[in-house]
PDB file of all heavy atoms in Angstrom:
ATOM      1  N   LEU A   1      49.701  77.101  53.819  1.00  0.00           N
ATOM      2  CA  LEU A   1      49.109  76.081  54.634  1.00  0.00           C
ATOM      3  C   LEU A   1      49.156  74.857  53.778  1.00  0.00           C
ATOM      4  O   LEU A   1      48.831  74.846  52.564  1.00  0.00           O
ATOM      5  CB  LEU A   1      47.725  76.489  54.989  1.00  0.00           C
ATOM      6  CG  LEU A   1      47.517  77.881  55.640  1.00  0.00           C
ATOM      7  CD1 LEU A   1      46.039  78.198  55.609  1.00  0.00           C
ATOM      8  CD2 LEU A   1      48.012  77.866  57.051  1.00  0.00           C
ATOM      9  N   THR A   2      49.542  73.751  54.416  1.00  0.00           N
ATOM     10  CA  THR A   2      49.651  72.460  53.652  1.00  0.00           C
ATOM     11  C   THR A   2      48.702  71.384  54.231  1.00  0.00           C
ATOM     12  O   THR A   2      48.696  71.192  55.464  1.00  0.00           O
ATOM     13  CB  THR A   2      51.160  71.909  53.674  1.00  0.00           C
ATOM     14  OG1 THR A   2      51.926  72.998  53.114  1.00  0.00           O
ATOM     15  CG2 THR A   2      51.253  70.678  52.809  1.00  0.00           C
ATOM     16  N   LEU A   3      47.960  70.628  53.349  1.00  0.00           N
ATOM     17  CA  LEU A   3      47.089  69.604  53.806  1.00  0.00           C
ATOM     18  C   LEU A   3      47.498  68.415  53.008  1.00  0.00           C
ATOM     19  O   LEU A   3      47.847  68.534  51.833  1.00  0.00           O
ATOM     20  CB  LEU A   3      45.628  69.964  53.551  1.00  0.00           C
ATOM     21  CG  LEU A   3      44.974  70.929  54.479  1.00  0.00           C
ATOM     22  CD1 LEU A   3      44.943  72.319  53.827  1.00  0.00           C
ATOM     23  CD2 LEU A   3      43.672  70.503  54.850  1.00  0.00           C
ATOM     24  N   THR A   4      47.430  67.193  53.594  1.00  0.00           N
ATOM     25  CA  THR A   4      47.830  65.977  52.902  1.00  0.00           C
ATOM     26  C   THR A   4      46.629  65.519  52.055  1.00  0.00           C
ATOM     27  O   THR A   4      45.499  65.869  52.294  1.00  0.00           O
ATOM     28  CB  THR A   4      48.219  64.952  53.903  1.00  0.00           C
ATOM     29  OG1 THR A   4      47.076  64.521  54.687  1.00  0.00           O
ATOM     30  CG2 THR A   4      49.346  65.364  54.845  1.00  0.00           C
ATOM     31  N   GLY A   5      46.984  64.529  51.176  1.00  0.00           N
ATOM     32  CA  GLY A   5      45.921  63.895  50.361  1.00  0.00           C
ATOM     33  C   GLY A   5      44.949  63.207  51.198  1.00  0.00           C
ATOM     34  O   GLY A   5      43.680  63.121  50.850  1.00  0.00           O
ATOM     35  N   ASP A   6      45.346  62.539  52.302  1.00  0.00           N
ATOM     36  CA  ASP A   6      44.434  61.883  53.150  1.00  0.00           C
ATOM     37  C   ASP A   6      43.384  62.781  53.787  1.00  0.00           C
ATOM     38  O   ASP A   6      42.247  62.409  54.017  1.00  0.00           O
ATOM     39  CB  ASP A   6      45.233  61.142  54.317  1.00  0.00           C
ATOM     40  CG  ASP A   6      46.033  60.041  53.827  1.00  0.00           C
ATOM     41  OD1 ASP A   6      45.767  59.555  52.646  1.00  0.00           O
ATOM     42  OD2 ASP A   6      46.963  59.582  54.566  1.00  0.00           O
ATOM     43  N   MET A   7      43.822  64.063  54.138  1.00  0.00           N
ATOM     44  CA  MET A   7      42.999  65.047  54.800  1.00  0.00           C
ATOM     45  C   MET A   7      41.849  65.456  53.775  1.00  0.00           C
ATOM     46  O   MET A   7      40.712  65.737  54.150  1.00  0.00           O
ATOM     47  CB  MET A   7      43.715  66.245  55.203  1.00  0.00           C
ATOM     48  CG  MET A   7      44.626  66.094  56.378  1.00  0.00           C
ATOM     49  SD  MET A   7      45.523  67.604  56.625  1.00  0.00           S
ATOM     50  CE  MET A   7      46.315  67.287  58.208  1.00  0.00           C
ATOM     51  N   LEU A   8      42.226  65.487  52.502  1.00  0.00           N
ATOM     52  CA  LEU A   8      41.269  66.022  51.497  1.00  0.00           C
ATOM     53  C   LEU A   8      40.425  64.963  50.848  1.00  0.00           C
ATOM     54  O   LEU A   8      39.238  65.233  50.507  1.00  0.00           O
ATOM     55  CB  LEU A   8      42.039  66.705  50.346  1.00  0.00           C
ATOM     56  CG  LEU A   8      42.825  68.009  50.742  1.00  0.00           C
ATOM     57  CD1 LEU A   8      43.584  68.530  49.584  1.00  0.00           C
ATOM     58  CD2 LEU A   8      41.804  69.020  51.334  1.00  0.00           C
ATOM     59  N   GLY A   9      40.947  63.688  50.817  1.00  0.00           N
ATOM     60  CA  GLY A   9      40.119  62.567  50.189  1.00  0.00           C
ATOM     61  C   GLY A   9      39.782  62.904  48.700  1.00  0.00           C
ATOM     62  O   GLY A   9      40.654  63.434  48.018  1.00  0.00           O
ATOM     63  N   ASP A  10      38.604  62.573  48.269  1.00  0.00           N
ATOM     64  CA  ASP A  10      38.247  62.802  46.826  1.00  0.00           C
ATOM     65  C   ASP A  10      38.053  64.317  46.582  1.00  0.00           C
ATOM     66  O   ASP A  10      37.977  64.669  45.396  1.00  0.00           O
ATOM     67  CB  ASP A  10      36.896  62.108  46.551  1.00  0.00           C
ATOM     68  CG  ASP A  10      37.067  60.559  46.548  1.00  0.00           C
ATOM     69  OD1 ASP A  10      38.242  60.154  46.304  1.00  0.00           O
ATOM     70  OD2 ASP A  10      36.118  59.821  46.617  1.00  0.00           O
ATOM     71  N   GLU A  11      37.920  65.149  47.623  1.00  0.00           N
ATOM     72  CA  GLU A  11      37.765  66.538  47.366  1.00  0.00           C
ATOM     73  C   GLU A  11      39.000  67.166  46.618  1.00  0.00           C
ATOM     74  O   GLU A  11      38.886  68.144  45.980  1.00  0.00           O
ATOM     75  CB  GLU A  11      37.581  67.319  48.587  1.00  0.00           C
ATOM     76  CG  GLU A  11      36.163  67.036  49.256  1.00  0.00           C
ATOM     77  CD  GLU A  11      36.020  67.721  50.603  1.00  0.00           C
ATOM     78  OE1 GLU A  11      37.012  68.014  51.319  1.00  0.00           O
ATOM     79  OE2 GLU A  11      34.819  67.963  50.981  1.00  0.00           O
ATOM     80  N   ARG A  12      40.120  66.500  46.702  1.00  0.00           N
ATOM     81  CA  ARG A  12      41.329  67.047  46.012  1.00  0.00           C
ATOM     82  C   ARG A  12      41.102  67.150  44.423  1.00  0.00           C
ATOM     83  O   ARG A  12      41.717  67.891  43.728  1.00  0.00           O
ATOM     84  CB  ARG A  12      42.554  66.144  46.252  1.00  0.00           C
ATOM     85  CG  ARG A  12      42.560  64.803  45.738  1.00  0.00           C
ATOM     86  CD  ARG A  12      43.713  64.009  46.183  1.00  0.00           C
ATOM     87  NE  ARG A  12      43.808  62.658  45.469  1.00  0.00           N
ATOM     88  CZ  ARG A  12      43.037  61.672  45.782  1.00  0.00           C
ATOM     89  NH1 ARG A  12      42.210  61.734  46.842  1.00  0.00           N
ATOM     90  NH2 ARG A  12      43.138  60.574  45.122  1.00  0.00           N
ATOM     91  N   LEU A  13      40.158  66.315  43.893  1.00  0.00           N
ATOM     92  CA  LEU A  13      39.823  66.406  42.536  1.00  0.00           C
ATOM     93  C   LEU A  13      39.069  67.632  42.095  1.00  0.00           C
ATOM     94  O   LEU A  13      38.835  67.899  40.974  1.00  0.00           O
ATOM     95  CB  LEU A  13      39.021  65.194  42.094  1.00  0.00           C
ATOM     96  CG  LEU A  13      39.760  63.803  42.263  1.00  0.00           C
ATOM     97  CD1 LEU A  13      38.802  62.677  41.949  1.00  0.00           C
ATOM     98  CD2 LEU A  13      40.968  63.720  41.296  1.00  0.00           C
ATOM     99  N   LEU A  14      38.676  68.490  43.065  1.00  0.00           N
ATOM    100  CA  LEU A  14      37.969  69.716  42.703  1.00  0.00           C
ATOM    101  C   LEU A  14      38.998  70.952  42.689  1.00  0.00           C
ATOM    102  O   LEU A  14      38.565  72.037  42.452  1.00  0.00           O
ATOM    103  CB  LEU A  14      36.987  70.003  43.830  1.00  0.00           C
ATOM    104  CG  LEU A  14      35.755  69.003  43.849  1.00  0.00           C
ATOM    105  CD1 LEU A  14      34.909  69.272  45.112  1.00  0.00           C
ATOM    106  CD2 LEU A  14      34.930  69.188  42.609  1.00  0.00           C
ATOM    107  N   LEU A  15      40.322  70.699  43.061  1.00  0.00           N
ATOM    108  CA  LEU A  15      41.231  71.761  43.183  1.00  0.00           C
ATOM    109  C   LEU A  15      41.780  72.190  41.786  1.00  0.00           C
ATOM    110  O   LEU A  15      42.326  71.276  41.129  1.00  0.00           O
ATOM    111  CB  LEU A  15      42.322  71.309  44.131  1.00  0.00           C
ATOM    112  CG  LEU A  15      41.939  71.172  45.579  1.00  0.00           C
ATOM    113  CD1 LEU A  15      43.064  70.596  46.390  1.00  0.00           C
ATOM    114  CD2 LEU A  15      41.491  72.495  46.258  1.00  0.00           C
ATOM    115  N   VAL A  16      41.703  73.396  41.508  1.00  0.00           N
ATOM    116  CA  VAL A  16      42.325  74.049  40.375  1.00  0.00           C
ATOM    117  C   VAL A  16      43.086  75.317  40.791  1.00  0.00           C
ATOM    118  O   VAL A  16      42.748  75.798  41.858  1.00  0.00           O
ATOM    119  CB  VAL A  16      41.303  74.445  39.312  1.00  0.00           C
ATOM    120  CG1 VAL A  16      40.708  73.215  38.611  1.00  0.00           C
ATOM    121  CG2 VAL A  16      40.133  75.355  39.842  1.00  0.00           C
ATOM    122  N   ASP A  17      44.052  75.656  39.980  1.00  0.00           N
ATOM    123  CA  ASP A  17      44.860  76.846  40.396  1.00  0.00           C
ATOM    124  C   ASP A  17      44.010  78.076  40.736  1.00  0.00           C
ATOM    125  O   ASP A  17      42.970  78.376  40.115  1.00  0.00           O
ATOM    126  CB  ASP A  17      45.794  77.217  39.246  1.00  0.00           C
ATOM    127  CG  ASP A  17      46.822  76.165  39.023  1.00  0.00           C
ATOM    128  OD1 ASP A  17      47.039  75.249  39.908  1.00  0.00           O
ATOM    129  OD2 ASP A  17      47.464  76.268  37.962  1.00  0.00           O
ATOM    130  N   ASN A  18      44.406  78.806  41.755  1.00  0.00           N
ATOM    131  CA  ASN A  18      43.761  80.045  42.268  1.00  0.00           C
ATOM    132  C   ASN A  18      42.328  79.880  42.747  1.00  0.00           C
ATOM    133  O   ASN A  18      41.679  80.881  42.807  1.00  0.00           O
ATOM    134  CB  ASN A  18      43.915  81.133  41.186  1.00  0.00           C
ATOM    135  CG  ASN A  18      45.374  81.438  40.828  1.00  0.00           C
ATOM    136  OD1 ASN A  18      46.191  81.553  41.685  1.00  0.00           O
ATOM    137  ND2 ASN A  18      45.649  81.659  39.531  1.00  0.00           N
ATOM    138  N   LEU A  19      41.955  78.748  43.080  1.00  0.00           N
ATOM    139  CA  LEU A  19      40.594  78.498  43.580  1.00  0.00           C
ATOM    140  C   LEU A  19      40.568  78.985  45.029  1.00  0.00           C
ATOM    141  O   LEU A  19      41.397  78.726  45.816  1.00  0.00           O
ATOM    142  CB  LEU A  19      40.239  76.950  43.647  1.00  0.00           C
ATOM    143  CG  LEU A  19      38.894  76.630  44.236  1.00  0.00           C
ATOM    144  CD1 LEU A  19      37.775  77.172  43.373  1.00  0.00           C
ATOM    145  CD2 LEU A  19      38.770  75.137  44.424  1.00  0.00           C
ATOM    146  N   GLU A  20      39.600  79.914  45.325  1.00  0.00           N
ATOM    147  CA  GLU A  20      39.404  80.331  46.712  1.00  0.00           C
ATOM    148  C   GLU A  20      38.566  79.538  47.576  1.00  0.00           C
ATOM    149  O   GLU A  20      37.447  79.179  47.127  1.00  0.00           O
ATOM    150  CB  GLU A  20      38.849  81.847  46.603  1.00  0.00           C
ATOM    151  CG  GLU A  20      39.806  82.754  45.947  1.00  0.00           C
ATOM    152  CD  GLU A  20      39.381  84.188  46.063  1.00  0.00           C
ATOM    153  OE1 GLU A  20      38.477  84.569  46.774  1.00  0.00           O
ATOM    154  OE2 GLU A  20      39.933  85.055  45.348  1.00  0.00           O
ATOM    155  N   VAL A  21      39.057  79.179  48.705  1.00  0.00           N
ATOM    156  CA  VAL A  21      38.419  78.253  49.609  1.00  0.00           C
ATOM    157  C   VAL A  21      38.516  78.759  51.058  1.00  0.00           C
ATOM    158  O   VAL A  21      39.229  79.745  51.314  1.00  0.00           O
ATOM    159  CB  VAL A  21      38.986  76.814  49.548  1.00  0.00           C
ATOM    160  CG1 VAL A  21      38.854  76.130  48.226  1.00  0.00           C
ATOM    161  CG2 VAL A  21      40.535  76.801  49.900  1.00  0.00           C
ATOM    162  N   GLN A  22      37.878  78.025  52.009  1.00  0.00           N
ATOM    163  CA  GLN A  22      38.071  78.416  53.388  1.00  0.00           C
ATOM    164  C   GLN A  22      38.812  77.163  54.007  1.00  0.00           C
ATOM    165  O   GLN A  22      38.473  76.046  53.884  1.00  0.00           O
ATOM    166  CB  GLN A  22      36.740  78.517  54.119  1.00  0.00           C
ATOM    167  CG  GLN A  22      35.807  79.601  53.600  1.00  0.00           C
ATOM    168  CD  GLN A  22      36.303  80.880  54.151  1.00  0.00           C
ATOM    169  OE1 GLN A  22      36.671  80.999  55.293  1.00  0.00           O
ATOM    170  NE2 GLN A  22      36.134  81.925  53.356  1.00  0.00           N
ATOM    171  N   VAL A  23      40.017  77.458  54.572  1.00  0.00           N
ATOM    172  CA  VAL A  23      40.835  76.435  55.276  1.00  0.00           C
ATOM    173  C   VAL A  23      40.378  76.399  56.700  1.00  0.00           C
ATOM    174  O   VAL A  23      40.349  77.399  57.402  1.00  0.00           O
ATOM    175  CB  VAL A  23      42.341  76.606  55.126  1.00  0.00           C
ATOM    176  CG1 VAL A  23      43.100  75.647  55.976  1.00  0.00           C
ATOM    177  CG2 VAL A  23      42.732  76.551  53.679  1.00  0.00           C
ATOM    178  N   GLN A  24      40.015  75.162  57.205  1.00  0.00           N
ATOM    179  CA  GLN A  24      39.590  75.038  58.596  1.00  0.00           C
ATOM    180  C   GLN A  24      40.875  74.658  59.469  1.00  0.00           C
ATOM    181  O   GLN A  24      41.509  73.765  59.083  1.00  0.00           O
ATOM    182  CB  GLN A  24      38.567  73.904  58.655  1.00  0.00           C
ATOM    183  CG  GLN A  24      37.486  74.156  59.566  1.00  0.00           C
ATOM    184  CD  GLN A  24      36.363  73.131  59.378  1.00  0.00           C
ATOM    185  OE1 GLN A  24      36.532  72.090  58.836  1.00  0.00           O
ATOM    186  NE2 GLN A  24      35.155  73.562  59.740  1.00  0.00           N
ATOM    187  N   LYS A  25      41.067  75.450  60.513  1.00  0.00           N
ATOM    188  CA  LYS A  25      42.211  75.083  61.400  1.00  0.00           C
ATOM    189  C   LYS A  25      41.644  74.700  62.767  1.00  0.00           C
ATOM    190  O   LYS A  25      40.596  75.293  63.270  1.00  0.00           O
ATOM    191  CB  LYS A  25      43.035  76.391  61.607  1.00  0.00           C
ATOM    192  CG  LYS A  25      43.874  76.881  60.469  1.00  0.00           C
ATOM    193  CD  LYS A  25      44.656  78.095  60.873  1.00  0.00           C
ATOM    194  CE  LYS A  25      45.685  78.442  59.832  1.00  0.00           C
ATOM    195  NZ  LYS A  25      46.422  79.600  60.309  1.00  0.00           N
TER     196      LYS A  25
END
């Protein structure tokens, strides 16, 4: 699943390898 930087905003600064999240579709 791919999200753009615009979709994530500043939250992209919280992303580290193998971080488990919930993707909203």
